[in-house]
Amino acid sequence: MKIPRVIQLSEQILADISGRGLEPGDPYLGTADAARMLGVSTTAANRAMQILVQRNVLNRRQRRGTFVAEGLHAKVNRAIDRVHLVVNKSYLSTEGLMADGVIVGIRSVLPDAEIEFNHLPGSDDFDWVNDLIAKSARSPQPEGFILARSSLTSQRLFEASGFPTVIFGSRFPSIHTLPSVDRDQVQAGKLLITALFQAGVRKMGVLMRSQVLPGDHSFMDSIWNTASELGMHPNDLTIRFLPADELAIQHATHELTHTHQATGFICRSQPIAETAAKSVRQSKNASIRNIPIVLSDVYSRNQAKLPWPSIRTVDSSESIGSQLAELLIEQAQGDIPETVVRRLSVKLCEPTA
C-alpha cells in the first residue's frame, strides 16, 4: 500500500505547521514558499495546500495570504476512516489513472479520511483481493474502496464483501449492486469517429488496449453504429487490440496504413497515440506522415498539452473525486445510491500543442 504523493505533501505541511507551533489565525507560507520548503513544483504544493483548505486547516484570503484555520484542532468525525484506491499497477504507471484532482475531490467530501493506493495485480488477483478485504474486516474503523480498471474477480469479491465500494470505470455484466462512475463511452466513440469523418477520413484504424473492459464494448459499439450512420462500410474500419509495447504498436500502425490503407487513427489511450504518431512520422510517404489521430483516454497526470483532438470529461477531476466519495458515504450510511451508474458527460477538445 502506498499513500498518494499529494497526501504525503499535505501531511508534510501539517507537520510544518505543528512544528512551528502555529495556531489558528497565524500567517502561513504562500504557494511558492511552500513549494520551496517541500522541494516540489508550485502546482504540487498548491494541490497539497488545497487539501488542507478543504480540511479547514488553512484559509486562503484574497490579496492577504494564507493563514492557519480553526480546523487545525478540530475533532475528527468521519463516515469512512480509510479509503483504499484499488488501482491496476500497470495502468497506474503507464496512464496515471488517479489524478491529484480526483484525490483532492475525495478529500473535499472526506477531509479526515486516510487515503491509500493498493496496487491490484495484473492477473490472479483472487487471493490478493481476499487478503485486502480480510484485513479491512479486522479494522475497527470504517473503510471503503474505489476500484479503477478493476477485474471481474475483484468486482465480484468486493460486491460480496458488503464494504462501501465504488467502481471508477465500467461494471462487468452480472455486477448489480456496486455503483460506478464512468465517462460516457457511447458519446466518446461518436465524437471521435465523427471528427475523423469530418476531416475527410474514410478508412480508419482503431487501436485499442489488449485488456478489454466493459467500457470498451460500449465504446466500440458506438464507433460501429456511428460509422453505419455516416454511410461507412464495415471494411472501412480495422481494429487492433494491442499490448503496452511500442514495437507491437508500431508494427500494427504500419500494417494498417500500408495494408489496409488507413488514413486516420482512433487511439484508445495516450501511450498508444504517442507510439502511433511516432510510427507515422517516420514514414517516407508524406501523406502517411500527416495522418490525423484522435484520442480517447488522456494521461490523468498530463492533460495540459496534446497535439491531437482528445476526449475530456465536462466534470473536473475534483468534481469526479467528490462524486466517488459521496457514493461511498451513501453506502456507509446504509443508503442505496439513487443512480447506480453515473455517466460523466464528455467533450472533444482541440489540440493544445
Protein backbone atom coordinates (compact mmCIF):
# COMPACT_ATOMS: atom_id res chain seq x y z
CA MET A 1 0.00 0.00 0.00
CA LYS A 2 1.18 3.49 -0.80
CA ILE A 3 -0.09 6.87 0.32
CA PRO A 4 -0.66 9.19 -2.68
CA ARG A 5 2.06 11.80 -3.14
CA VAL A 6 -0.34 14.73 -2.79
CA ILE A 7 -1.48 13.37 0.58
CA GLN A 8 2.13 12.94 1.73
CA LEU A 9 2.83 16.58 0.84
CA SER A 10 -0.24 17.81 2.72
CA GLU A 11 0.90 15.86 5.79
CA GLN A 12 4.36 17.46 5.50
CA ILE A 13 2.73 20.89 5.51
CA LEU A 14 0.64 19.92 8.53
CA ALA A 15 3.79 18.72 10.31
CA ASP A 16 5.48 22.03 9.48
CA ILE A 17 2.56 23.96 10.98
CA SER A 18 2.68 21.86 14.15
CA GLY A 19 6.48 22.04 14.31
CA ARG A 20 6.36 25.82 14.24
CA GLY A 21 3.74 25.90 16.96
CA LEU A 22 1.36 27.88 14.77
CA GLU A 23 -2.20 28.47 15.92
CA PRO A 24 -5.45 29.47 14.15
CA GLY A 25 -5.11 32.97 12.74
CA ASP A 26 -1.32 32.82 12.33
CA PRO A 27 0.02 33.53 8.82
CA TYR A 28 1.49 30.65 6.84
CA LEU A 29 3.60 30.21 3.71
CA GLY A 30 2.32 31.15 0.28
CA THR A 31 2.33 28.60 -2.53
CA ALA A 32 5.80 29.49 -3.85
CA ASP A 33 7.40 29.34 -0.39
CA ALA A 34 5.62 26.09 0.42
CA ALA A 35 6.87 24.61 -2.86
CA ARG A 36 10.46 25.54 -1.96
CA MET A 37 10.03 24.09 1.53
CA LEU A 38 8.70 20.81 0.10
CA GLY A 39 11.10 20.73 -2.86
CA VAL A 40 8.30 20.34 -5.38
CA SER A 41 6.58 22.36 -8.11
CA THR A 42 4.12 25.13 -7.25
CA THR A 43 1.37 23.03 -8.85
CA ALA A 44 2.07 20.11 -6.48
CA ALA A 45 2.31 22.44 -3.50
CA ASN A 46 -0.96 24.13 -4.44
CA ARG A 47 -2.76 20.76 -4.64
CA ALA A 48 -1.44 19.78 -1.21
CA MET A 49 -2.42 23.12 0.32
CA GLN A 50 -5.88 22.87 -1.22
CA ILE A 51 -6.44 19.61 0.65
CA LEU A 52 -5.70 21.44 3.91
CA VAL A 53 -8.02 24.28 2.87
CA GLN A 54 -10.80 21.72 2.45
CA ARG A 55 -9.99 20.31 5.89
CA ASN A 56 -10.23 23.85 7.27
CA VAL A 57 -6.60 23.67 8.40
CA LEU A 58 -5.59 26.51 6.10
CA ASN A 59 -7.52 29.58 4.99
CA ARG A 60 -6.60 31.49 1.85
CA ARG A 61 -7.60 35.13 1.83
CA GLN A 62 -7.50 37.01 -1.44
CA ARG A 63 -4.70 39.60 -1.53
CA ARG A 64 -3.83 38.88 2.11
CA GLY A 65 -2.21 35.46 2.02
CA THR A 66 -2.57 32.06 3.67
CA PHE A 67 -3.44 31.61 7.36
CA VAL A 68 -3.87 28.73 9.77
CA ALA A 69 -7.59 28.00 10.23
CA GLU A 70 -9.79 26.74 13.05
CA GLY A 71 -9.81 23.16 11.75
CA LEU A 72 -6.23 22.64 12.96
CA HIS A 73 -7.50 21.33 16.32
CA ALA A 74 -10.92 20.13 15.17
CA LYS A 75 -12.16 16.75 16.34
CA VAL A 76 -12.26 14.06 13.68
CA ASN A 77 -15.76 12.90 12.73
CA ARG A 78 -15.75 10.79 9.58
CA ALA A 79 -18.19 8.39 7.97
CA ILE A 80 -15.26 6.44 6.48
CA ASP A 81 -11.89 6.30 8.19
CA ARG A 82 -9.84 4.96 5.29
CA VAL A 83 -10.36 4.98 1.51
CA HIS A 84 -8.50 2.34 -0.46
CA LEU A 85 -7.79 3.28 -4.08
CA VAL A 86 -7.52 -0.13 -5.72
CA VAL A 87 -5.68 0.51 -8.98
CA ASN A 88 -4.18 -1.84 -11.54
CA LYS A 89 -0.45 -1.19 -11.06
CA SER A 90 0.47 -1.44 -14.74
CA TYR A 91 -2.10 1.19 -15.73
CA LEU A 92 -1.15 3.45 -12.84
CA SER A 93 2.44 3.53 -14.11
CA THR A 94 1.63 3.93 -17.81
CA GLU A 95 -1.50 6.04 -17.82
CA GLY A 96 -1.70 7.80 -14.46
CA LEU A 97 -5.27 6.82 -13.71
CA MET A 98 -5.60 8.69 -10.43
CA ALA A 99 -5.08 12.41 -10.99
CA ASP A 100 -4.26 14.52 -7.98
CA GLY A 101 -7.50 16.38 -8.66
CA VAL A 102 -9.52 13.21 -8.04
CA ILE A 103 -7.82 12.77 -4.68
CA VAL A 104 -8.43 16.43 -3.82
CA GLY A 105 -12.12 15.86 -4.66
CA ILE A 106 -12.28 12.83 -2.39
CA ARG A 107 -10.70 14.89 0.39
CA SER A 108 -13.27 17.64 -0.08
CA VAL A 109 -16.02 15.22 0.96
CA LEU A 110 -13.99 13.04 3.34
CA PRO A 111 -11.50 15.59 4.69
CA ASP A 112 -10.13 13.43 7.52
CA ALA A 113 -10.10 10.00 5.91
CA GLU A 114 -6.78 8.31 5.20
CA ILE A 115 -6.25 7.57 1.50
CA GLU A 116 -4.09 4.70 0.34
CA PHE A 117 -3.14 3.22 -3.02
CA ASN A 118 -3.47 -0.55 -3.32
CA HIS A 119 -1.87 -1.95 -6.46
CA LEU A 120 -4.08 -4.66 -7.94
CA PRO A 121 -2.08 -7.46 -9.62
CA GLY A 122 -2.48 -7.70 -13.36
CA SER A 123 -3.74 -11.29 -13.07
CA ASP A 124 -4.58 -13.95 -10.45
CA ASP A 125 -5.95 -11.34 -8.09
CA PHE A 126 -8.36 -13.61 -6.17
CA ASP A 127 -6.13 -14.20 -3.15
CA TRP A 128 -4.81 -10.62 -3.16
CA VAL A 129 -8.32 -9.14 -3.04
CA ASN A 130 -9.47 -11.60 -0.39
CA ASP A 131 -6.47 -10.68 1.78
CA LEU A 132 -7.24 -6.97 1.43
CA ILE A 133 -10.90 -7.50 2.33
CA ALA A 134 -9.94 -9.67 5.32
CA LYS A 135 -7.52 -7.02 6.58
CA SER A 136 -10.20 -4.34 6.32
CA ALA A 137 -12.68 -6.59 8.11
CA ARG A 138 -10.29 -6.72 11.09
CA SER A 139 -10.03 -2.92 11.22
CA PRO A 140 -12.05 -1.25 14.00
CA GLN A 141 -12.60 1.78 11.75
CA PRO A 142 -14.97 2.01 8.74
CA GLU A 143 -13.24 1.58 5.40
CA GLY A 144 -14.27 1.96 1.75
CA PHE A 145 -12.90 1.09 -1.67
CA ILE A 146 -12.64 2.79 -5.05
CA LEU A 147 -11.81 0.36 -7.88
CA ALA A 148 -10.08 1.66 -11.04
CA ARG A 149 -9.79 -0.57 -14.15
CA SER A 150 -10.71 -3.49 -11.95
CA SER A 151 -11.17 -7.13 -12.94
CA LEU A 152 -14.41 -9.11 -12.84
CA THR A 153 -12.96 -11.16 -9.98
CA SER A 154 -12.25 -8.10 -7.85
CA GLN A 155 -15.66 -6.55 -8.58
CA ARG A 156 -17.43 -9.74 -7.56
CA LEU A 157 -15.41 -10.13 -4.36
CA PHE A 158 -15.96 -6.53 -3.28
CA GLU A 159 -19.67 -6.76 -4.13
CA ALA A 160 -19.95 -9.84 -1.92
CA SER A 161 -17.91 -8.25 0.89
CA GLY A 162 -20.54 -5.66 1.80
CA PHE A 163 -17.90 -2.92 2.14
CA PRO A 164 -18.74 0.50 0.67
CA THR A 165 -17.28 0.23 -2.82
CA VAL A 166 -17.44 2.37 -5.96
CA ILE A 167 -16.20 1.38 -9.40
CA PHE A 168 -14.28 4.20 -11.08
CA GLY A 169 -14.92 2.98 -14.60
CA SER A 170 -17.28 0.38 -16.01
CA ARG A 171 -19.08 -2.53 -14.34
CA PHE A 172 -18.85 -6.04 -15.68
CA PRO A 173 -22.06 -7.89 -16.59
CA SER A 174 -23.52 -9.63 -13.51
CA ILE A 175 -22.36 -6.80 -11.17
CA HIS A 176 -25.61 -5.20 -10.00
CA THR A 177 -25.19 -3.51 -6.63
CA LEU A 178 -21.85 -1.69 -6.88
CA PRO A 179 -22.29 1.90 -8.09
CA SER A 180 -19.98 3.13 -10.82
CA VAL A 181 -18.78 6.46 -12.14
CA ASP A 182 -17.65 6.31 -15.76
CA ARG A 183 -17.28 8.57 -18.75
CA ASP A 184 -20.00 8.40 -21.38
CA GLN A 185 -18.24 5.86 -23.60
CA VAL A 186 -21.01 5.98 -26.21
CA GLN A 187 -20.62 9.72 -26.66
CA ALA A 188 -16.82 9.41 -26.70
CA GLY A 189 -16.86 6.93 -29.57
CA LYS A 190 -19.36 9.01 -31.53
CA LEU A 191 -17.36 12.23 -31.13
CA LEU A 192 -14.06 10.65 -32.20
CA ILE A 193 -15.23 8.88 -35.35
CA THR A 194 -17.30 11.90 -36.38
CA ALA A 195 -14.24 14.16 -36.01
CA LEU A 196 -12.19 11.93 -38.33
CA PHE A 197 -15.04 11.64 -40.81
CA GLN A 198 -15.47 15.41 -40.94
CA ALA A 199 -11.72 15.68 -41.56
CA GLY A 200 -12.21 13.61 -44.72
CA VAL A 201 -11.03 10.24 -43.38
CA ARG A 202 -12.85 7.29 -44.92
CA LYS A 203 -10.52 4.42 -43.94
CA MET A 204 -9.86 4.29 -40.20
CA GLY A 205 -7.68 2.28 -37.87
CA VAL A 206 -8.88 1.78 -34.28
CA LEU A 207 -6.07 0.99 -31.84
CA MET A 208 -7.34 -0.48 -28.55
CA ARG A 209 -5.67 -1.87 -25.42
CA SER A 210 -5.24 -5.65 -25.26
CA GLN A 211 -7.06 -5.76 -21.90
CA VAL A 212 -10.70 -5.25 -22.81
CA LEU A 213 -13.13 -3.96 -20.20
CA PRO A 214 -16.91 -3.40 -20.46
CA GLY A 215 -16.44 0.29 -21.26
CA ASP A 216 -14.50 -0.75 -24.35
CA HIS A 217 -17.56 -2.68 -25.56
CA SER A 218 -19.77 0.42 -25.33
CA PHE A 219 -17.03 2.50 -26.97
CA MET A 220 -16.66 0.11 -29.92
CA ASP A 221 -20.42 -0.36 -30.32
CA SER A 222 -20.72 3.40 -30.61
CA ILE A 223 -17.97 3.59 -33.23
CA TRP A 224 -19.60 0.87 -35.34
CA ASN A 225 -23.08 2.39 -35.03
CA THR A 226 -21.87 5.89 -35.87
CA ALA A 227 -19.85 4.57 -38.81
CA SER A 228 -23.01 2.98 -40.17
CA GLU A 229 -24.97 6.21 -39.69
CA LEU A 230 -22.25 8.06 -41.62
CA GLY A 231 -22.56 5.61 -44.53
CA MET A 232 -19.27 3.83 -43.94
CA HIS A 233 -18.76 0.17 -44.86
CA PRO A 234 -17.54 -2.39 -42.27
CA ASN A 235 -14.33 -2.75 -44.29
CA ASP A 236 -13.62 0.94 -43.68
CA LEU A 237 -12.78 0.18 -40.04
CA THR A 238 -9.89 -2.04 -38.96
CA ILE A 239 -9.41 -2.75 -35.26
CA ARG A 240 -6.35 -3.95 -33.39
CA PHE A 241 -6.11 -4.84 -29.69
CA LEU A 242 -2.55 -4.14 -28.60
CA PRO A 243 -0.32 -4.65 -25.54
CA ALA A 244 1.56 -1.75 -23.97
CA ASP A 245 4.56 -2.46 -26.19
CA GLU A 246 5.97 0.18 -28.53
CA LEU A 247 7.23 -2.27 -31.15
CA ALA A 248 3.87 -4.05 -31.34
CA ILE A 249 2.03 -0.73 -31.73
CA GLN A 250 4.48 0.49 -34.38
CA HIS A 251 4.06 -2.69 -36.43
CA ALA A 252 0.27 -2.54 -36.15
CA THR A 253 0.29 1.10 -37.25
CA HIS A 254 2.48 0.26 -40.25
CA GLU A 255 0.18 -2.64 -41.19
CA LEU A 256 -2.94 -0.51 -41.04
CA THR A 257 -1.52 2.31 -43.13
CA HIS A 258 0.15 0.13 -45.78
CA THR A 259 -2.05 -2.98 -46.00
CA HIS A 260 -5.46 -1.59 -45.01
CA GLN A 261 -4.89 1.96 -46.35
CA ALA A 262 -6.00 3.59 -43.09
CA THR A 263 -5.84 7.38 -43.38
CA GLY A 264 -6.75 8.19 -39.78
CA PHE A 265 -6.50 6.63 -36.32
CA ILE A 266 -8.71 6.44 -33.26
CA CYS A 267 -6.45 5.66 -30.29
CA ARG A 268 -7.92 4.37 -27.05
CA SER A 269 -5.06 5.59 -24.82
CA GLN A 270 -2.40 8.29 -24.85
CA PRO A 271 0.52 5.80 -24.82
CA ILE A 272 -0.94 4.16 -27.94
CA ALA A 273 -1.42 7.56 -29.62
CA GLU A 274 2.14 8.63 -28.82
CA THR A 275 3.62 5.47 -30.35
CA ALA A 276 1.31 5.53 -33.39
CA ALA A 277 2.22 9.17 -34.04
CA LYS A 278 5.91 8.33 -33.80
CA SER A 279 5.44 5.49 -36.29
CA VAL A 280 3.64 7.56 -38.93
CA ARG A 281 6.14 10.42 -38.56
CA GLN A 282 8.90 8.03 -39.59
CA SER A 283 7.18 7.14 -42.88
CA LYS A 284 8.78 8.20 -46.16
CA ASN A 285 5.31 8.86 -47.52
CA ALA A 286 4.26 12.47 -46.82
CA SER A 287 0.55 11.60 -46.80
CA ILE A 288 1.10 8.99 -44.09
CA ARG A 289 3.15 11.42 -42.01
CA ASN A 290 0.14 13.76 -41.95
CA ILE A 291 -2.43 11.14 -40.92
CA PRO A 292 -4.83 12.59 -38.33
CA ILE A 293 -5.08 10.98 -34.91
CA VAL A 294 -7.84 11.38 -32.32
CA LEU A 295 -7.51 10.23 -28.73
CA SER A 296 -9.90 8.76 -26.18
CA ASP A 297 -8.10 8.33 -22.83
CA VAL A 298 -5.66 11.02 -21.70
CA TYR A 299 -2.96 10.68 -19.06
CA SER A 300 -4.53 11.83 -15.80
CA ARG A 301 -1.20 13.30 -14.78
CA ASN A 302 -0.54 15.16 -18.03
CA GLN A 303 -3.58 16.84 -19.53
CA ALA A 304 -2.06 20.19 -20.44
CA LYS A 305 -0.65 19.94 -23.95
CA LEU A 306 -1.65 17.40 -26.59
CA PRO A 307 -1.16 17.52 -30.38
CA TRP A 308 -4.38 15.60 -31.09
CA PRO A 309 -8.10 16.19 -30.54
CA SER A 310 -8.95 14.34 -27.33
CA ILE A 311 -11.87 13.36 -25.15
CA ARG A 312 -12.19 15.09 -21.77
CA THR A 313 -14.88 14.94 -19.14
CA VAL A 314 -17.03 18.03 -18.69
CA ASP A 315 -16.71 17.48 -14.92
CA SER A 316 -13.38 18.47 -13.38
CA SER A 317 -11.25 15.77 -11.77
CA GLU A 318 -12.08 17.35 -8.39
CA SER A 319 -15.82 17.00 -9.10
CA ILE A 320 -15.33 13.35 -10.08
CA GLY A 321 -13.45 12.68 -6.85
CA SER A 322 -16.22 14.25 -4.80
CA GLN A 323 -18.84 12.09 -6.55
CA LEU A 324 -16.86 8.94 -5.77
CA ALA A 325 -16.63 9.93 -2.10
CA GLU A 326 -20.32 10.81 -1.89
CA LEU A 327 -21.25 7.35 -3.18
CA LEU A 328 -19.02 5.76 -0.53
CA ILE A 329 -20.72 7.75 2.21
CA GLU A 330 -24.20 6.81 0.98
CA GLN A 331 -23.29 3.13 1.23
CA ALA A 332 -21.60 3.58 4.62
CA GLN A 333 -24.85 5.09 5.89
CA GLY A 334 -26.84 2.15 4.54
CA ASP A 335 -28.39 4.04 1.64
CA ILE A 336 -28.75 2.70 -1.88
CA PRO A 337 -27.50 5.29 -4.42
CA GLU A 338 -30.36 6.71 -6.48
CA THR A 339 -28.29 6.41 -9.67
CA VAL A 340 -26.23 3.22 -9.62
CA VAL A 341 -24.37 4.11 -12.84
CA ARG A 342 -23.25 7.72 -13.24
CA ARG A 343 -22.19 8.57 -16.77
CA LEU A 344 -19.93 11.61 -16.99
CA SER A 345 -20.58 13.89 -19.95
CA VAL A 346 -17.61 14.25 -22.31
CA LYS A 347 -16.46 16.74 -24.92
CA LEU A 348 -13.91 16.70 -27.72
CA CYS A 349 -11.12 19.20 -27.08
CA GLU A 350 -8.96 20.65 -29.82
CA PRO A 351 -5.17 20.09 -29.84
CA THR A 352 -3.26 22.28 -27.39
CA ALA A 353 0.28 21.64 -28.60
